[in-house]
Amino acid sequence: MVTEIKTKKTFGTLDVARISPEPKPDCPRALNIHMTFEDALKLHFGLGQALAKLNSYNRATTDGKRATVNLCVYTDTKRISINEGQLPKGK
């Protein structure tokens, strides 16, 4: 009898520092975003470039620690934009 090899169902999770605008109580708890392999590669490379830029900052400074990657999801046009951002001061 051959047993099925278990495989991963997820490839990682993470905490989000901030969601803007603040979700309303009646909005869905989660959005599942499906993308083609080619678009997933674009996301992968875009995140890599954004992270390389953030890595060039001095993380010992306040501004360096506040630097973020901002994923902006446009639900009406079904597009994702990868941008540099900053956490608000005092967070």
N, C-alpha and C. Protein backbone atom coordinates (compact mmCIF):
# COMPACT_ATOMS: atom_id res chain seq x y z
N MET A 1 0.85 -1.18 0.00
CA MET A 1 0.00 0.00 0.00
C MET A 1 0.89 1.24 0.00
N VAL A 2 0.68 2.12 -0.97
CA VAL A 2 1.46 3.35 -1.08
C VAL A 2 0.78 4.44 -0.27
N THR A 3 1.57 5.11 0.57
CA THR A 3 1.01 6.22 1.34
C THR A 3 1.29 7.53 0.61
N GLU A 4 0.39 8.45 0.77
CA GLU A 4 0.55 9.75 0.14
C GLU A 4 1.55 10.59 0.93
N ILE A 5 2.46 11.23 0.21
CA ILE A 5 3.44 12.09 0.86
C ILE A 5 2.77 13.41 1.21
N LYS A 6 2.91 13.81 2.46
CA LYS A 6 2.31 15.07 2.89
C LYS A 6 3.06 16.23 2.27
N THR A 7 2.32 17.22 1.85
CA THR A 7 2.92 18.43 1.28
C THR A 7 2.41 19.64 2.05
N LYS A 8 3.14 20.74 1.90
CA LYS A 8 2.75 21.97 2.56
C LYS A 8 1.45 22.50 1.97
N LYS A 9 0.64 23.08 2.82
CA LYS A 9 -0.58 23.75 2.36
C LYS A 9 -0.36 25.25 2.26
N THR A 10 0.54 25.79 3.08
CA THR A 10 0.88 27.21 3.01
C THR A 10 2.40 27.32 2.94
N PHE A 11 2.86 28.46 2.51
CA PHE A 11 4.30 28.68 2.37
C PHE A 11 4.78 29.81 3.27
N GLY A 12 4.06 30.07 4.33
CA GLY A 12 4.47 31.08 5.29
C GLY A 12 3.36 32.07 5.59
N THR A 13 3.43 32.61 6.76
CA THR A 13 2.51 33.68 7.17
C THR A 13 3.34 34.76 7.83
N LEU A 14 2.75 35.92 7.99
CA LEU A 14 3.46 37.03 8.61
C LEU A 14 2.46 37.99 9.22
N ASP A 15 2.95 38.86 10.07
CA ASP A 15 2.13 39.92 10.65
C ASP A 15 2.21 41.15 9.77
N VAL A 16 1.13 41.89 9.72
CA VAL A 16 1.07 43.14 8.96
C VAL A 16 1.15 44.28 9.95
N ALA A 17 2.03 45.25 9.69
CA ALA A 17 2.22 46.37 10.61
C ALA A 17 1.03 47.32 10.61
N ARG A 18 0.41 47.51 9.44
CA ARG A 18 -0.69 48.48 9.36
C ARG A 18 -1.51 48.20 8.11
N ILE A 19 -2.82 48.37 8.21
CA ILE A 19 -3.72 48.29 7.06
C ILE A 19 -4.40 49.65 6.94
N SER A 20 -4.32 50.21 5.75
CA SER A 20 -4.91 51.53 5.51
C SER A 20 -5.68 51.50 4.20
N PRO A 21 -6.92 51.95 4.17
CA PRO A 21 -7.72 52.43 5.30
C PRO A 21 -8.12 51.28 6.21
N GLU A 22 -8.48 51.63 7.41
CA GLU A 22 -8.89 50.63 8.40
C GLU A 22 -10.10 49.85 7.87
N PRO A 23 -10.05 48.52 7.89
CA PRO A 23 -11.19 47.74 7.39
C PRO A 23 -12.44 47.97 8.24
N LYS A 24 -13.57 48.03 7.57
CA LYS A 24 -14.84 48.20 8.27
C LYS A 24 -15.27 46.87 8.86
N PRO A 25 -16.07 46.89 9.92
CA PRO A 25 -16.47 45.63 10.57
C PRO A 25 -17.17 44.64 9.64
N ASP A 26 -17.87 45.13 8.61
CA ASP A 26 -18.62 44.22 7.74
C ASP A 26 -17.83 43.74 6.53
N CYS A 27 -16.56 44.12 6.43
CA CYS A 27 -15.76 43.66 5.29
C CYS A 27 -15.29 42.22 5.53
N PRO A 28 -14.99 41.48 4.46
CA PRO A 28 -14.53 40.10 4.63
C PRO A 28 -13.25 40.03 5.48
N ARG A 29 -13.11 38.97 6.26
CA ARG A 29 -11.92 38.81 7.10
C ARG A 29 -10.68 38.55 6.27
N ALA A 30 -10.84 37.96 5.10
CA ALA A 30 -9.68 37.61 4.28
C ALA A 30 -10.03 37.78 2.81
N LEU A 31 -9.02 38.13 2.02
CA LEU A 31 -9.14 38.18 0.57
C LEU A 31 -8.18 37.13 0.02
N ASN A 32 -8.68 36.25 -0.82
CA ASN A 32 -7.82 35.29 -1.50
C ASN A 32 -7.48 35.87 -2.86
N ILE A 33 -6.21 36.09 -3.11
CA ILE A 33 -5.76 36.69 -4.36
C ILE A 33 -5.04 35.61 -5.16
N HIS A 34 -5.65 35.20 -6.26
CA HIS A 34 -5.06 34.19 -7.14
C HIS A 34 -4.38 34.90 -8.29
N MET A 35 -3.18 34.44 -8.66
CA MET A 35 -2.46 35.06 -9.78
C MET A 35 -1.76 33.98 -10.58
N THR A 36 -1.49 34.30 -11.83
CA THR A 36 -0.79 33.36 -12.70
C THR A 36 0.66 33.24 -12.24
N PHE A 37 1.33 32.22 -12.74
CA PHE A 37 2.74 32.03 -12.43
C PHE A 37 3.55 33.25 -12.84
N GLU A 38 3.26 33.80 -14.02
CA GLU A 38 4.01 34.96 -14.50
C GLU A 38 3.80 36.17 -13.60
N ASP A 39 2.56 36.41 -13.18
CA ASP A 39 2.31 37.54 -12.28
C ASP A 39 2.90 37.29 -10.89
N ALA A 40 2.92 36.04 -10.45
CA ALA A 40 3.56 35.72 -9.17
C ALA A 40 5.06 36.00 -9.24
N LEU A 41 5.67 35.72 -10.40
CA LEU A 41 7.09 36.07 -10.58
C LEU A 41 7.30 37.57 -10.52
N LYS A 42 6.39 38.33 -11.13
CA LYS A 42 6.49 39.80 -11.07
C LYS A 42 6.42 40.27 -9.62
N LEU A 43 5.51 39.68 -8.85
CA LEU A 43 5.39 40.03 -7.43
C LEU A 43 6.67 39.67 -6.69
N HIS A 44 7.19 38.49 -6.96
CA HIS A 44 8.43 38.02 -6.33
C HIS A 44 9.59 38.98 -6.62
N PHE A 45 9.77 39.32 -7.89
CA PHE A 45 10.88 40.21 -8.25
C PHE A 45 10.66 41.63 -7.75
N GLY A 46 9.42 42.10 -7.79
CA GLY A 46 9.11 43.43 -7.28
C GLY A 46 9.38 43.54 -5.79
N LEU A 47 8.98 42.51 -5.04
CA LEU A 47 9.27 42.50 -3.60
C LEU A 47 10.77 42.44 -3.35
N GLY A 48 11.47 41.66 -4.15
CA GLY A 48 12.93 41.58 -4.01
C GLY A 48 13.59 42.92 -4.21
N GLN A 49 13.14 43.68 -5.22
CA GLN A 49 13.72 45.00 -5.46
C GLN A 49 13.39 45.96 -4.33
N ALA A 50 12.15 45.91 -3.84
CA ALA A 50 11.75 46.78 -2.74
C ALA A 50 12.54 46.44 -1.47
N LEU A 51 12.72 45.16 -1.20
CA LEU A 51 13.48 44.76 -0.01
C LEU A 51 14.95 45.13 -0.13
N ALA A 52 15.51 45.04 -1.33
CA ALA A 52 16.90 45.46 -1.53
C ALA A 52 17.05 46.95 -1.24
N LYS A 53 16.06 47.74 -1.65
CA LYS A 53 16.10 49.19 -1.38
C LYS A 53 16.02 49.44 0.12
N LEU A 54 15.09 48.76 0.81
CA LEU A 54 14.97 48.93 2.25
C LEU A 54 16.23 48.46 2.97
N ASN A 55 16.87 47.43 2.46
CA ASN A 55 18.09 46.91 3.08
C ASN A 55 19.24 47.90 2.99
N SER A 56 19.16 48.84 2.05
CA SER A 56 20.23 49.83 1.91
C SER A 56 20.15 50.91 2.99
N TYR A 57 19.02 50.98 3.70
CA TYR A 57 18.86 51.99 4.75
C TYR A 57 19.53 51.52 6.04
N ASN A 58 19.93 52.47 6.85
CA ASN A 58 20.52 52.18 8.15
C ASN A 58 19.40 51.86 9.13
N ARG A 59 19.25 50.59 9.48
CA ARG A 59 18.16 50.18 10.36
C ARG A 59 18.41 50.57 11.82
N ALA A 60 19.57 51.14 12.11
CA ALA A 60 19.83 51.64 13.46
C ALA A 60 19.17 53.00 13.67
N THR A 61 18.71 53.64 12.60
CA THR A 61 18.05 54.94 12.72
C THR A 61 16.54 54.76 12.79
N THR A 62 15.86 55.76 13.31
CA THR A 62 14.40 55.71 13.40
C THR A 62 13.77 55.61 12.02
N ASP A 63 14.24 56.42 11.07
CA ASP A 63 13.67 56.37 9.72
C ASP A 63 13.92 55.03 9.06
N GLY A 64 15.09 54.45 9.30
CA GLY A 64 15.38 53.13 8.74
C GLY A 64 14.46 52.05 9.29
N LYS A 65 14.13 52.15 10.57
CA LYS A 65 13.22 51.18 11.19
C LYS A 65 11.78 51.38 10.75
N ARG A 66 11.42 52.61 10.38
CA ARG A 66 10.06 52.90 9.95
C ARG A 66 9.80 52.55 8.49
N ALA A 67 10.85 52.27 7.72
CA ALA A 67 10.70 51.97 6.29
C ALA A 67 9.92 50.67 6.10
N THR A 68 9.00 50.68 5.17
CA THR A 68 8.15 49.51 4.92
C THR A 68 8.01 49.24 3.43
N VAL A 69 7.52 48.05 3.13
CA VAL A 69 7.04 47.72 1.79
C VAL A 69 5.52 47.84 1.85
N ASN A 70 4.95 48.58 0.93
CA ASN A 70 3.51 48.79 0.87
C ASN A 70 2.96 48.04 -0.34
N LEU A 71 2.12 47.05 -0.09
CA LEU A 71 1.41 46.37 -1.18
C LEU A 71 0.04 47.02 -1.29
N CYS A 72 -0.20 47.68 -2.39
CA CYS A 72 -1.48 48.35 -2.61
C CYS A 72 -2.30 47.49 -3.56
N VAL A 73 -3.41 46.97 -3.07
CA VAL A 73 -4.27 46.09 -3.87
C VAL A 73 -5.46 46.91 -4.37
N TYR A 74 -5.57 46.99 -5.68
CA TYR A 74 -6.69 47.68 -6.32
C TYR A 74 -7.73 46.61 -6.67
N THR A 75 -8.78 46.54 -5.87
CA THR A 75 -9.77 45.49 -6.09
C THR A 75 -10.62 45.74 -7.33
N ASP A 76 -10.78 47.00 -7.73
CA ASP A 76 -11.61 47.29 -8.91
C ASP A 76 -10.92 46.93 -10.22
N THR A 77 -9.60 47.11 -10.30
CA THR A 77 -8.86 46.79 -11.53
C THR A 77 -8.07 45.49 -11.41
N LYS A 78 -8.13 44.86 -10.24
CA LYS A 78 -7.43 43.59 -9.99
C LYS A 78 -5.94 43.72 -10.25
N ARG A 79 -5.34 44.73 -9.63
CA ARG A 79 -3.91 44.97 -9.77
C ARG A 79 -3.30 45.16 -8.38
N ILE A 80 -2.01 44.87 -8.28
CA ILE A 80 -1.24 45.07 -7.05
C ILE A 80 -0.06 45.95 -7.39
N SER A 81 0.15 46.97 -6.59
CA SER A 81 1.30 47.86 -6.75
C SER A 81 2.23 47.66 -5.56
N ILE A 82 3.53 47.58 -5.83
CA ILE A 82 4.54 47.41 -4.78
C ILE A 82 5.25 48.74 -4.62
N ASN A 83 5.15 49.33 -3.44
CA ASN A 83 5.68 50.67 -3.19
C ASN A 83 6.49 50.69 -1.90
N GLU A 84 7.29 51.71 -1.77
CA GLU A 84 7.99 51.96 -0.51
C GLU A 84 7.08 52.81 0.37
N GLY A 85 7.08 52.54 1.66
CA GLY A 85 6.26 53.30 2.58
C GLY A 85 6.99 53.52 3.89
N GLN A 86 6.30 54.14 4.83
CA GLN A 86 6.84 54.35 6.17
C GLN A 86 5.74 54.20 7.19
N LEU A 87 6.08 53.61 8.33
CA LEU A 87 5.15 53.56 9.44
C LEU A 87 5.02 54.96 10.02
N PRO A 88 3.87 55.28 10.62
CA PRO A 88 3.73 56.58 11.26
C PRO A 88 4.72 56.72 12.41
N LYS A 89 5.11 57.93 12.70
CA LYS A 89 6.03 58.18 13.82
C LYS A 89 5.35 57.77 15.12
N GLY A 90 6.15 57.24 16.04
CA GLY A 90 5.62 56.84 17.34
C GLY A 90 5.06 55.43 17.38
N LYS A 91 5.23 54.65 16.32
CA LYS A 91 4.71 53.28 16.31
C LYS A 91 5.82 52.28 16.57
